[in-house]
Amino acid sequence: MTMRDPFVAVDHVQLAMPPGQEDRARAFYGDLLGMTEVPKPPELAARGGAWFRSGSVQLHLGVEQDFRPARKAHVALRCADFAELTKALASATAVTRAGAFEDGLEHAYVDDPFGNRIELIASE
């Protein structure tokens, strides 16, 4: 009997954020990265945080009282227009750092407003 791969896709990624910083999350993930905010179910909305989507990519930000940013662990996002996005991030004073190019694609890293590491990868 051959075992098929047990998973077919990543449904969402969750990152932590400090309490009361939803406006900063919206400014970064919504306005700067261009993601669309997704309404949270009412029972979860009371906890704070924010959910975002871009195509099939979903990113959830959950409030953590004793927040510590993810400095090594990170989400990696394939970009429809890598050059345009990294240019917009640079002009908005969001720090970007060049990444590895082993796969022949351009990579950059940016920290969200809370210090969580985000990897950006050019599309093929």
N, C-alpha and C. Protein backbone atom coordinates (compact mmCIF):
# COMPACT_ATOMS: atom_id res chain seq x y z
N MET A 1 0.84 -1.19 0.00
CA MET A 1 0.00 0.00 0.00
C MET A 1 0.89 1.25 0.00
N THR A 2 0.62 2.17 -0.91
CA THR A 2 1.38 3.41 -0.99
C THR A 2 0.63 4.51 -0.23
N MET A 3 1.35 5.17 0.67
CA MET A 3 0.76 6.26 1.46
C MET A 3 0.85 7.55 0.66
N ARG A 4 -0.28 8.21 0.47
CA ARG A 4 -0.28 9.51 -0.20
C ARG A 4 0.20 10.56 0.79
N ASP A 5 0.63 11.69 0.26
CA ASP A 5 0.99 12.81 1.13
C ASP A 5 -0.23 13.18 1.95
N PRO A 6 -0.08 13.37 3.27
CA PRO A 6 -1.24 13.61 4.11
C PRO A 6 -1.83 15.02 4.00
N PHE A 7 -1.08 15.99 3.49
CA PHE A 7 -1.58 17.36 3.44
C PHE A 7 -1.60 17.86 2.00
N VAL A 8 -2.55 18.73 1.69
CA VAL A 8 -2.68 19.23 0.33
C VAL A 8 -2.34 20.72 0.20
N ALA A 9 -2.38 21.46 1.31
CA ALA A 9 -2.07 22.88 1.26
C ALA A 9 -1.94 23.41 2.69
N VAL A 10 -1.35 24.58 2.82
CA VAL A 10 -1.33 25.30 4.09
C VAL A 10 -2.57 26.16 4.13
N ASP A 11 -3.39 25.99 5.14
CA ASP A 11 -4.62 26.79 5.25
C ASP A 11 -4.31 28.22 5.66
N HIS A 12 -3.50 28.39 6.69
CA HIS A 12 -3.09 29.73 7.12
C HIS A 12 -1.85 29.64 7.99
N VAL A 13 -1.23 30.77 8.18
CA VAL A 13 -0.09 30.90 9.09
C VAL A 13 -0.50 31.90 10.15
N GLN A 14 -0.14 31.63 11.40
CA GLN A 14 -0.44 32.59 12.46
C GLN A 14 0.85 33.14 13.03
N LEU A 15 0.88 34.45 13.18
CA LEU A 15 1.95 35.15 13.86
C LEU A 15 1.36 35.85 15.08
N ALA A 16 2.19 36.12 16.05
CA ALA A 16 1.73 36.82 17.24
C ALA A 16 1.97 38.31 17.10
N MET A 17 1.20 39.06 17.86
CA MET A 17 1.35 40.52 17.92
C MET A 17 1.02 40.98 19.34
N PRO A 18 1.48 42.16 19.73
CA PRO A 18 1.14 42.67 21.06
C PRO A 18 -0.31 43.17 21.11
N PRO A 19 -0.89 43.23 22.28
CA PRO A 19 -2.27 43.70 22.43
C PRO A 19 -2.43 45.15 21.95
N GLY A 20 -3.60 45.43 21.37
CA GLY A 20 -3.96 46.80 21.02
C GLY A 20 -3.25 47.40 19.82
N GLN A 21 -2.63 46.58 19.00
CA GLN A 21 -1.85 47.08 17.86
C GLN A 21 -2.47 46.75 16.51
N GLU A 22 -3.77 46.54 16.48
CA GLU A 22 -4.45 46.16 15.24
C GLU A 22 -4.30 47.21 14.14
N ASP A 23 -4.31 48.50 14.49
CA ASP A 23 -4.15 49.53 13.47
C ASP A 23 -2.78 49.46 12.81
N ARG A 24 -1.75 49.16 13.57
CA ARG A 24 -0.41 49.00 13.00
C ARG A 24 -0.36 47.77 12.09
N ALA A 25 -1.06 46.71 12.48
CA ALA A 25 -1.13 45.51 11.65
C ALA A 25 -1.82 45.83 10.33
N ARG A 26 -2.93 46.56 10.39
CA ARG A 26 -3.66 46.92 9.16
C ARG A 26 -2.81 47.81 8.25
N ALA A 27 -2.08 48.73 8.84
CA ALA A 27 -1.23 49.62 8.03
C ALA A 27 -0.15 48.82 7.30
N PHE A 28 0.44 47.85 7.97
CA PHE A 28 1.52 47.07 7.35
C PHE A 28 0.98 46.01 6.39
N TYR A 29 0.15 45.11 6.92
CA TYR A 29 -0.31 43.98 6.10
C TYR A 29 -1.34 44.41 5.05
N GLY A 30 -2.20 45.35 5.40
CA GLY A 30 -3.22 45.81 4.46
C GLY A 30 -2.70 46.87 3.52
N ASP A 31 -2.31 48.01 4.08
CA ASP A 31 -1.91 49.15 3.24
C ASP A 31 -0.58 48.93 2.53
N LEU A 32 0.43 48.45 3.24
CA LEU A 32 1.76 48.34 2.65
C LEU A 32 1.94 47.06 1.82
N LEU A 33 1.56 45.92 2.39
CA LEU A 33 1.71 44.67 1.64
C LEU A 33 0.58 44.42 0.66
N GLY A 34 -0.55 45.10 0.84
CA GLY A 34 -1.67 44.97 -0.11
C GLY A 34 -2.58 43.79 0.15
N MET A 35 -2.54 43.22 1.34
CA MET A 35 -3.43 42.12 1.68
C MET A 35 -4.80 42.67 2.07
N THR A 36 -5.82 41.84 1.97
CA THR A 36 -7.18 42.22 2.31
C THR A 36 -7.51 41.69 3.70
N GLU A 37 -8.05 42.55 4.55
CA GLU A 37 -8.43 42.08 5.88
C GLU A 37 -9.68 41.20 5.77
N VAL A 38 -9.67 40.10 6.49
CA VAL A 38 -10.78 39.15 6.53
C VAL A 38 -11.44 39.28 7.89
N PRO A 39 -12.77 39.44 7.94
CA PRO A 39 -13.43 39.52 9.25
C PRO A 39 -13.22 38.24 10.05
N LYS A 40 -12.91 38.41 11.31
CA LYS A 40 -12.77 37.26 12.21
C LYS A 40 -14.16 36.86 12.71
N PRO A 41 -14.37 35.58 12.98
CA PRO A 41 -15.63 35.18 13.59
C PRO A 41 -15.83 35.95 14.91
N PRO A 42 -17.07 36.32 15.22
CA PRO A 42 -17.33 37.14 16.41
C PRO A 42 -16.71 36.60 17.69
N GLU A 43 -16.75 35.29 17.89
CA GLU A 43 -16.19 34.73 19.12
C GLU A 43 -14.67 34.89 19.19
N LEU A 44 -14.01 35.03 18.04
CA LEU A 44 -12.56 35.24 18.02
C LEU A 44 -12.20 36.72 17.95
N ALA A 45 -13.07 37.54 17.38
CA ALA A 45 -12.79 38.97 17.25
C ALA A 45 -12.61 39.63 18.61
N ALA A 46 -13.31 39.14 19.62
CA ALA A 46 -13.20 39.71 20.96
C ALA A 46 -11.79 39.57 21.54
N ARG A 47 -11.02 38.63 21.02
CA ARG A 47 -9.65 38.41 21.50
C ARG A 47 -8.65 39.39 20.91
N GLY A 48 -9.07 40.16 19.90
CA GLY A 48 -8.15 41.07 19.22
C GLY A 48 -7.44 40.38 18.08
N GLY A 49 -6.48 41.07 17.50
CA GLY A 49 -5.75 40.54 16.37
C GLY A 49 -6.44 40.88 15.06
N ALA A 50 -5.92 40.35 13.97
CA ALA A 50 -6.48 40.63 12.64
C ALA A 50 -6.07 39.51 11.69
N TRP A 51 -6.95 39.23 10.72
CA TRP A 51 -6.69 38.22 9.71
C TRP A 51 -6.61 38.89 8.34
N PHE A 52 -5.69 38.39 7.51
CA PHE A 52 -5.49 38.95 6.18
C PHE A 52 -5.41 37.85 5.15
N ARG A 53 -5.73 38.22 3.90
CA ARG A 53 -5.71 37.26 2.79
C ARG A 53 -5.18 37.97 1.54
N SER A 54 -4.50 37.18 0.72
CA SER A 54 -4.10 37.58 -0.63
C SER A 54 -4.17 36.33 -1.47
N GLY A 55 -5.17 36.23 -2.34
CA GLY A 55 -5.37 35.00 -3.10
C GLY A 55 -5.65 33.86 -2.14
N SER A 56 -4.91 32.77 -2.25
CA SER A 56 -5.11 31.63 -1.36
C SER A 56 -4.25 31.70 -0.10
N VAL A 57 -3.46 32.75 0.03
CA VAL A 57 -2.58 32.93 1.20
C VAL A 57 -3.36 33.61 2.31
N GLN A 58 -3.39 32.99 3.49
CA GLN A 58 -4.02 33.60 4.66
C GLN A 58 -3.00 33.75 5.77
N LEU A 59 -3.00 34.91 6.40
CA LEU A 59 -2.10 35.19 7.50
C LEU A 59 -2.95 35.72 8.65
N HIS A 60 -2.87 35.07 9.79
CA HIS A 60 -3.62 35.48 10.98
C HIS A 60 -2.65 36.07 12.00
N LEU A 61 -3.02 37.18 12.58
CA LEU A 61 -2.26 37.77 13.68
C LEU A 61 -3.07 37.62 14.94
N GLY A 62 -2.50 36.92 15.91
CA GLY A 62 -3.18 36.71 17.17
C GLY A 62 -2.48 37.45 18.30
N VAL A 63 -3.26 38.00 19.20
CA VAL A 63 -2.71 38.77 20.32
C VAL A 63 -2.08 37.82 21.34
N GLU A 64 -0.89 38.17 21.75
CA GLU A 64 -0.18 37.42 22.77
C GLU A 64 0.22 38.41 23.86
N GLN A 65 -0.27 38.19 25.08
CA GLN A 65 -0.03 39.13 26.18
C GLN A 65 1.46 39.30 26.47
N ASP A 66 2.20 38.21 26.50
CA ASP A 66 3.65 38.26 26.75
C ASP A 66 4.37 38.14 25.41
N PHE A 67 4.08 39.08 24.51
CA PHE A 67 4.53 39.01 23.12
C PHE A 67 6.06 39.04 23.00
N ARG A 68 6.55 38.16 22.13
CA ARG A 68 7.95 38.17 21.70
C ARG A 68 7.93 37.91 20.20
N PRO A 69 8.61 38.74 19.41
CA PRO A 69 8.57 38.56 17.96
C PRO A 69 9.27 37.28 17.52
N ALA A 70 8.81 36.75 16.39
CA ALA A 70 9.45 35.60 15.76
C ALA A 70 10.61 36.14 14.93
N ARG A 71 11.82 36.01 15.44
CA ARG A 71 12.99 36.57 14.77
C ARG A 71 13.63 35.57 13.81
N LYS A 72 13.54 34.28 14.10
CA LYS A 72 14.10 33.25 13.24
C LYS A 72 12.98 32.53 12.49
N ALA A 73 12.01 32.00 13.23
CA ALA A 73 10.85 31.38 12.58
C ALA A 73 10.16 32.46 11.77
N HIS A 74 9.66 32.10 10.59
CA HIS A 74 9.07 33.13 9.72
C HIS A 74 8.14 32.51 8.70
N VAL A 75 7.36 33.37 8.09
CA VAL A 75 6.54 32.99 6.96
C VAL A 75 7.28 33.47 5.71
N ALA A 76 7.23 32.68 4.64
CA ALA A 76 7.84 33.06 3.36
C ALA A 76 6.72 33.21 2.35
N LEU A 77 6.65 34.37 1.72
CA LEU A 77 5.57 34.68 0.79
C LEU A 77 6.12 34.86 -0.62
N ARG A 78 5.54 34.15 -1.59
CA ARG A 78 5.87 34.36 -3.00
C ARG A 78 5.18 35.62 -3.47
N CYS A 79 5.91 36.49 -4.13
CA CYS A 79 5.38 37.80 -4.53
C CYS A 79 5.05 37.84 -6.01
N ALA A 80 3.88 38.37 -6.33
CA ALA A 80 3.48 38.54 -7.73
C ALA A 80 4.41 39.54 -8.42
N ASP A 81 4.79 40.62 -7.71
CA ASP A 81 5.71 41.62 -8.26
C ASP A 81 6.73 41.98 -7.18
N PHE A 82 7.75 41.14 -7.08
CA PHE A 82 8.79 41.27 -6.06
C PHE A 82 9.45 42.65 -6.09
N ALA A 83 9.85 43.09 -7.28
CA ALA A 83 10.56 44.36 -7.40
C ALA A 83 9.70 45.53 -6.93
N GLU A 84 8.44 45.55 -7.33
CA GLU A 84 7.55 46.64 -6.93
C GLU A 84 7.30 46.62 -5.42
N LEU A 85 7.08 45.44 -4.86
CA LEU A 85 6.81 45.35 -3.44
C LEU A 85 8.02 45.76 -2.61
N THR A 86 9.19 45.28 -2.95
CA THR A 86 10.38 45.65 -2.17
C THR A 86 10.71 47.13 -2.34
N LYS A 87 10.41 47.69 -3.50
CA LYS A 87 10.60 49.14 -3.71
C LYS A 87 9.64 49.92 -2.80
N ALA A 88 8.38 49.50 -2.75
CA ALA A 88 7.40 50.17 -1.88
C ALA A 88 7.79 50.05 -0.41
N LEU A 89 8.28 48.89 -0.02
CA LEU A 89 8.71 48.71 1.37
C LEU A 89 9.90 49.62 1.69
N ALA A 90 10.84 49.71 0.77
CA ALA A 90 12.02 50.56 0.99
C ALA A 90 11.62 52.03 1.10
N SER A 91 10.68 52.48 0.27
CA SER A 91 10.27 53.89 0.32
C SER A 91 9.40 54.20 1.53
N ALA A 92 8.82 53.16 2.14
CA ALA A 92 8.01 53.35 3.35
C ALA A 92 8.88 53.19 4.60
N THR A 93 10.16 53.13 4.42
CA THR A 93 11.16 52.94 5.48
C THR A 93 11.04 51.61 6.20
N ALA A 94 10.32 50.66 5.62
CA ALA A 94 10.34 49.30 6.16
C ALA A 94 11.67 48.69 5.73
N VAL A 95 12.41 48.18 6.66
CA VAL A 95 13.74 47.66 6.36
C VAL A 95 13.63 46.34 5.61
N THR A 96 14.32 46.26 4.48
CA THR A 96 14.41 44.99 3.76
C THR A 96 15.87 44.59 3.70
N ARG A 97 16.12 43.30 3.76
CA ARG A 97 17.47 42.76 3.68
C ARG A 97 17.48 41.71 2.59
N ALA A 98 18.51 41.73 1.76
CA ALA A 98 18.62 40.73 0.69
C ALA A 98 18.80 39.36 1.30
N GLY A 99 18.23 38.36 0.64
CA GLY A 99 18.32 36.99 1.12
C GLY A 99 19.14 36.11 0.20
N ALA A 100 19.07 34.83 0.44
CA ALA A 100 19.81 33.85 -0.34
C ALA A 100 19.21 33.73 -1.74
N PHE A 101 20.06 33.37 -2.67
CA PHE A 101 19.62 33.23 -4.05
C PHE A 101 19.90 31.82 -4.57
N GLU A 102 20.01 30.82 -3.70
CA GLU A 102 20.37 29.45 -4.10
C GLU A 102 19.42 28.87 -5.14
N ASP A 103 18.16 29.24 -5.07
CA ASP A 103 17.17 28.69 -5.99
C ASP A 103 17.01 29.52 -7.27
N GLY A 104 17.85 30.53 -7.42
CA GLY A 104 17.79 31.37 -8.60
C GLY A 104 16.75 32.47 -8.51
N LEU A 105 16.04 32.56 -7.39
CA LEU A 105 15.02 33.59 -7.20
C LEU A 105 15.52 34.63 -6.21
N GLU A 106 15.05 35.86 -6.38
CA GLU A 106 15.40 36.90 -5.43
C GLU A 106 14.63 36.72 -4.13
N HIS A 107 15.29 36.96 -3.03
CA HIS A 107 14.70 36.88 -1.70
C HIS A 107 14.99 38.17 -0.95
N ALA A 108 14.10 38.55 -0.07
CA ALA A 108 14.34 39.68 0.83
C ALA A 108 13.63 39.37 2.14
N TYR A 109 14.08 40.01 3.19
CA TYR A 109 13.46 39.86 4.50
C TYR A 109 13.04 41.22 5.00
N VAL A 110 11.88 41.27 5.61
CA VAL A 110 11.38 42.51 6.20
C VAL A 110 10.76 42.13 7.54
N ASP A 111 10.85 43.03 8.50
CA ASP A 111 10.20 42.81 9.78
C ASP A 111 8.87 43.54 9.78
N ASP A 112 7.84 42.88 10.29
CA ASP A 112 6.56 43.57 10.43
C ASP A 112 6.69 44.59 11.57
N PRO A 113 5.69 45.40 11.85
CA PRO A 113 5.83 46.45 12.87
C PRO A 113 6.13 45.92 14.28
N PHE A 114 5.97 44.62 14.46
CA PHE A 114 6.16 44.02 15.78
C PHE A 114 7.47 43.26 15.88
N GLY A 115 8.24 43.22 14.78
CA GLY A 115 9.52 42.54 14.77
C GLY A 115 9.48 41.11 14.26
N ASN A 116 8.32 40.64 13.80
CA ASN A 116 8.23 39.31 13.20
C ASN A 116 8.90 39.32 11.84
N ARG A 117 9.71 38.32 11.57
CA ARG A 117 10.44 38.22 10.31
C ARG A 117 9.52 37.68 9.20
N ILE A 118 9.52 38.37 8.06
CA ILE A 118 8.76 37.96 6.87
C ILE A 118 9.75 37.80 5.73
N GLU A 119 9.72 36.65 5.06
CA GLU A 119 10.57 36.45 3.88
C GLU A 119 9.72 36.67 2.64
N LEU A 120 10.26 37.41 1.70
CA LEU A 120 9.60 37.67 0.43
C LEU A 120 10.43 36.99 -0.67
N ILE A 121 9.75 36.27 -1.55
CA ILE A 121 10.43 35.53 -2.61
C ILE A 121 9.81 35.90 -3.95
N ALA A 122 10.65 36.20 -4.92
CA ALA A 122 10.16 36.52 -6.26
C ALA A 122 9.49 35.30 -6.86
N SER A 123 8.46 35.53 -7.68
CA SER A 123 7.83 34.43 -8.40
C SER A 123 8.74 33.97 -9.50
N GLU A 124 8.55 32.76 -9.92
CA GLU A 124 9.38 32.23 -11.00
C GLU A 124 9.04 32.87 -12.31
